[in-house]
Amino acid sequence: MTDDHFLTTTRHTYAIVAENYDQFVPSVDEDVQDRALLTAFADLVRADGSGPVADLGCGTGRVTTYLASVGLDVTGFDLSPEMLAVARRNHPGLRFSPGSLLGLDLPDGGLAGAVAWYSIIHTPPERLPEVAAELFRVLRPGGHLQLGFHVGDRRHHATEGYGKDGFSLDIDWLPVEQVCELVTGAGFEVLTHVWRNPAPRVPQGRVLARKPG
């Protein structure tokens, strides 16, 4: 696992907020649009024969839990040991492992699907092609990818959040078109891209893509 400065600050921030995280972030079941998009992802994975799925940047296991509830064989991966500890405590029947988007301990072509739900937002944009290449590597031909991210064209610097302060975290808001170009540049084909503006929250993007094969 690489340990660039942004990985260190991300790991440190989520160590601070881990115990509070679930109090401030709604479950997938509370958002009908996200539930529909993740269900569509799950349906596509099953239609192509199912297989292992990774929730990359799983945090406390919100999306991991939902994907398991709709029948996927899912493992959650996260950079933060503290977030993983909360996930394991709250969801003892599911699998969670440490991992970084820049270097996943997974075989080539081993996944039927991957979700990165608000986990690309802490990687500097100039490093995202590396992330896209790593996602392409671990997905099998025909595998599906679902991304969630903040929409915009700027960097937000956070020093407090989730009821905590005392950290320093960069969050990149990305144009939907840029994320589409990112995944197509890695070799994926984009199936669906969504821009939504759920007031009072930050505008949100969703990209559903497939590795050809």
Protein backbone atom coordinates (compact mmCIF):
# COMPACT_ATOMS: atom_id res chain seq x y z
CA MET A 1 0.00 0.00 0.00
CA THR A 2 1.46 3.36 -0.99
CA ASP A 3 1.62 6.04 1.69
CA ASP A 4 1.55 9.42 -0.07
CA HIS A 5 0.77 12.48 2.06
CA PHE A 6 -2.89 12.60 1.02
CA LEU A 7 -3.33 8.99 2.11
CA THR A 8 -1.84 9.83 5.49
CA THR A 9 -4.13 12.83 6.02
CA THR A 10 -7.17 10.86 4.85
CA ARG A 11 -6.36 8.00 7.21
CA HIS A 12 -5.82 10.45 10.09
CA THR A 13 -9.11 12.27 9.45
CA TYR A 14 -11.24 9.15 9.38
CA ALA A 15 -9.56 7.89 12.53
CA ILE A 16 -10.92 11.00 14.23
CA VAL A 17 -14.48 10.83 12.86
CA ALA A 18 -15.02 7.05 12.71
CA GLU A 19 -17.18 6.72 15.81
CA ASN A 20 -19.41 9.64 14.75
CA TYR A 21 -19.67 8.87 11.04
CA ASP A 22 -22.88 6.84 11.01
CA GLN A 23 -24.70 9.52 13.02
CA PHE A 24 -24.24 12.08 10.24
CA VAL A 25 -24.42 10.03 7.02
CA PRO A 26 -27.81 8.52 6.08
CA SER A 27 -28.10 4.86 5.19
CA VAL A 28 -28.66 3.82 1.59
CA ASP A 29 -32.21 2.82 2.51
CA GLU A 30 -33.02 6.48 3.22
CA ASP A 31 -32.15 7.66 -0.32
CA VAL A 32 -34.48 6.29 -3.00
CA GLN A 33 -32.27 7.44 -5.91
CA ASP A 34 -29.05 5.96 -4.56
CA ARG A 35 -30.90 2.79 -3.68
CA ALA A 36 -32.15 2.53 -7.28
CA LEU A 37 -28.68 3.11 -8.76
CA LEU A 38 -26.99 0.58 -6.50
CA THR A 39 -29.77 -1.93 -7.13
CA ALA A 40 -29.27 -1.48 -10.88
CA PHE A 41 -25.55 -2.12 -10.39
CA ALA A 42 -26.36 -5.29 -8.43
CA ASP A 43 -28.81 -6.46 -11.11
CA LEU A 44 -26.16 -6.02 -13.82
CA VAL A 45 -23.58 -7.96 -11.80
CA ARG A 46 -26.03 -10.82 -11.30
CA ALA A 47 -27.08 -10.76 -14.96
CA ASP A 48 -23.43 -11.30 -15.93
CA GLY A 49 -23.06 -14.33 -13.69
CA SER A 50 -22.41 -12.74 -10.28
CA GLY A 51 -19.09 -13.22 -8.48
CA PRO A 52 -17.02 -11.28 -5.94
CA VAL A 53 -17.75 -7.56 -5.52
CA ALA A 54 -15.67 -4.94 -3.70
CA ASP A 55 -16.93 -1.85 -1.90
CA LEU A 56 -13.79 0.29 -2.14
CA GLY A 57 -13.59 3.00 0.49
CA CYS A 58 -16.34 1.28 2.43
CA GLY A 59 -16.02 3.38 5.58
CA THR A 60 -18.33 2.00 8.24
CA GLY A 61 -20.02 -0.37 5.80
CA ARG A 62 -23.14 1.53 4.70
CA VAL A 63 -22.93 0.52 1.03
CA THR A 64 -21.38 -2.87 1.80
CA THR A 65 -24.42 -3.71 3.90
CA TYR A 66 -26.84 -2.67 1.20
CA LEU A 67 -25.06 -4.63 -1.52
CA ALA A 68 -25.08 -7.71 0.69
CA SER A 69 -28.80 -7.22 1.34
CA VAL A 70 -29.53 -7.39 -2.40
CA GLY A 71 -27.65 -10.64 -2.79
CA LEU A 72 -24.09 -9.71 -3.77
CA ASP A 73 -20.97 -11.49 -2.50
CA VAL A 74 -19.33 -8.29 -1.27
CA THR A 75 -16.22 -7.35 0.71
CA GLY A 76 -15.60 -3.84 2.03
CA PHE A 77 -12.13 -2.29 1.77
CA ASP A 78 -10.98 0.90 3.47
CA LEU A 79 -7.84 2.88 4.21
CA SER A 80 -8.81 3.61 7.82
CA PRO A 81 -8.39 0.92 10.50
CA GLU A 82 -10.77 2.84 12.74
CA MET A 83 -13.54 2.93 10.14
CA LEU A 84 -13.02 -0.79 9.52
CA ALA A 85 -13.28 -1.45 13.26
CA VAL A 86 -16.67 0.27 13.37
CA ALA A 87 -17.79 -1.62 10.26
CA ARG A 88 -16.82 -4.98 11.76
CA ARG A 89 -18.50 -4.15 15.06
CA ASN A 90 -21.73 -2.98 13.45
CA HIS A 91 -21.87 -5.64 10.72
CA PRO A 92 -20.23 -8.76 12.15
CA GLY A 93 -21.57 -11.02 9.40
CA LEU A 94 -19.78 -9.16 6.59
CA ARG A 95 -16.17 -9.11 5.38
CA PHE A 96 -13.97 -6.01 5.70
CA SER A 97 -10.29 -5.61 4.81
CA PRO A 98 -7.68 -2.82 4.61
CA GLY A 99 -6.99 -1.44 1.16
CA SER A 100 -6.03 1.59 -0.93
CA LEU A 101 -7.46 2.52 -4.33
CA LEU A 102 -3.92 3.03 -5.57
CA GLY A 103 -2.83 -0.51 -4.78
CA LEU A 104 -5.43 -3.18 -4.09
CA ASP A 105 -4.32 -6.57 -2.84
CA LEU A 106 -6.58 -8.28 -5.37
CA PRO A 107 -5.80 -10.46 -8.39
CA ASP A 108 -6.10 -9.27 -11.96
CA GLY A 109 -9.65 -9.72 -13.22
CA GLY A 110 -10.88 -11.17 -9.96
CA LEU A 111 -13.96 -8.99 -9.39
CA ALA A 112 -17.39 -9.13 -10.98
CA GLY A 113 -18.10 -5.60 -9.74
CA ALA A 114 -16.66 -2.70 -7.78
CA VAL A 115 -18.22 0.30 -6.07
CA ALA A 116 -16.22 3.38 -5.08
CA TRP A 117 -18.77 5.51 -3.25
CA TYR A 118 -17.24 8.88 -2.37
CA SER A 119 -13.77 7.34 -2.13
CA ILE A 120 -12.19 8.97 -5.21
CA ILE A 121 -12.82 12.45 -3.75
CA HIS A 122 -9.72 12.36 -1.53
CA THR A 123 -7.32 11.41 -4.34
CA PRO A 124 -5.76 14.40 -6.14
CA PRO A 125 -7.19 14.61 -9.68
CA GLU A 126 -3.75 14.12 -11.24
CA ARG A 127 -3.53 10.72 -9.49
CA LEU A 128 -7.00 9.53 -10.49
CA PRO A 129 -5.82 7.91 -13.75
CA GLU A 130 -3.81 5.54 -11.54
CA VAL A 131 -6.96 4.74 -9.58
CA ALA A 132 -8.96 4.13 -12.77
CA ALA A 133 -6.23 1.83 -14.08
CA GLU A 134 -6.24 -0.12 -10.82
CA LEU A 135 -10.04 -0.48 -10.97
CA PHE A 136 -9.77 -1.71 -14.56
CA ARG A 137 -7.10 -4.23 -13.51
CA VAL A 138 -9.11 -5.88 -10.73
CA LEU A 139 -12.38 -6.16 -12.69
CA ARG A 140 -12.92 -9.11 -14.97
CA PRO A 141 -14.05 -8.58 -18.58
CA GLY A 142 -17.73 -7.69 -18.40
CA GLY A 143 -17.37 -6.47 -14.81
CA HIS A 144 -19.23 -3.37 -13.65
CA LEU A 145 -18.05 -0.25 -11.83
CA GLN A 146 -20.19 2.25 -9.90
CA LEU A 147 -18.69 5.57 -8.77
CA GLY A 148 -20.19 8.22 -6.47
CA PHE A 149 -18.59 11.65 -6.00
CA HIS A 150 -19.16 15.36 -5.34
CA VAL A 151 -19.87 17.41 -8.47
CA GLY A 152 -18.08 20.67 -9.16
CA ASP A 153 -14.70 21.93 -10.25
CA ARG A 154 -12.85 22.91 -7.12
CA ARG A 155 -11.05 21.66 -4.04
CA HIS A 156 -12.74 22.00 -0.66
CA HIS A 157 -10.48 21.98 2.40
CA ALA A 158 -12.18 20.66 5.54
CA THR A 159 -10.97 21.13 9.11
CA GLU A 160 -14.15 19.94 10.82
CA GLY A 161 -17.05 17.65 10.14
CA TYR A 162 -19.12 14.76 11.50
CA GLY A 163 -19.16 16.50 14.86
CA LYS A 164 -15.35 16.59 15.12
CA ASP A 165 -12.57 19.06 14.36
CA GLY A 166 -8.79 19.15 14.45
CA PHE A 167 -8.09 17.57 11.09
CA SER A 168 -7.03 18.75 7.62
CA LEU A 169 -8.63 17.06 4.62
CA ASP A 170 -8.88 17.97 0.94
CA ILE A 171 -12.08 17.00 -0.91
CA ASP A 172 -12.14 17.37 -4.69
CA TRP A 173 -15.41 18.19 -6.43
CA LEU A 174 -15.26 16.82 -9.97
CA PRO A 175 -17.24 17.52 -13.16
CA VAL A 176 -19.27 14.51 -14.28
CA GLU A 177 -17.72 14.79 -17.74
CA GLN A 178 -14.24 14.59 -16.25
CA VAL A 179 -15.07 11.39 -14.38
CA CYS A 180 -16.56 9.88 -17.54
CA GLU A 181 -13.37 10.74 -19.43
CA LEU A 182 -11.32 9.27 -16.59
CA VAL A 183 -12.97 5.85 -16.79
CA THR A 184 -13.12 5.72 -20.58
CA GLY A 185 -9.44 6.64 -20.65
CA ALA A 186 -8.75 3.55 -18.54
CA GLY A 187 -10.66 1.35 -20.98
CA PHE A 188 -14.18 1.27 -19.50
CA GLU A 189 -17.37 2.00 -21.39
CA VAL A 190 -19.76 4.38 -19.60
CA LEU A 191 -23.31 3.04 -19.34
CA THR A 192 -24.95 5.79 -17.25
CA HIS A 193 -23.91 9.11 -15.77
CA VAL A 194 -26.09 11.06 -13.36
CA TRP A 195 -25.90 14.57 -11.93
CA ARG A 196 -28.17 15.31 -8.99
CA ASN A 197 -28.59 18.29 -6.67
CA PRO A 198 -30.22 17.11 -3.42
CA ALA A 199 -30.58 20.33 -1.41
CA PRO A 200 -29.07 21.17 1.02
CA ARG A 201 -26.27 18.72 0.23
CA VAL A 202 -23.40 19.14 -2.24
CA PRO A 203 -24.30 18.29 -5.88
CA GLN A 204 -23.61 14.63 -6.52
CA GLY A 205 -22.44 12.57 -9.48
CA ARG A 206 -22.86 8.91 -10.29
CA VAL A 207 -21.10 7.01 -13.08
CA LEU A 208 -21.91 3.41 -13.97
CA ALA A 209 -19.37 1.77 -16.29
CA ARG A 210 -18.43 -1.65 -17.66
CA LYS A 211 -15.14 -3.28 -18.55
CA PRO A 212 -15.56 -4.57 -22.12
CA GLY A 213 -15.43 -8.29 -22.70
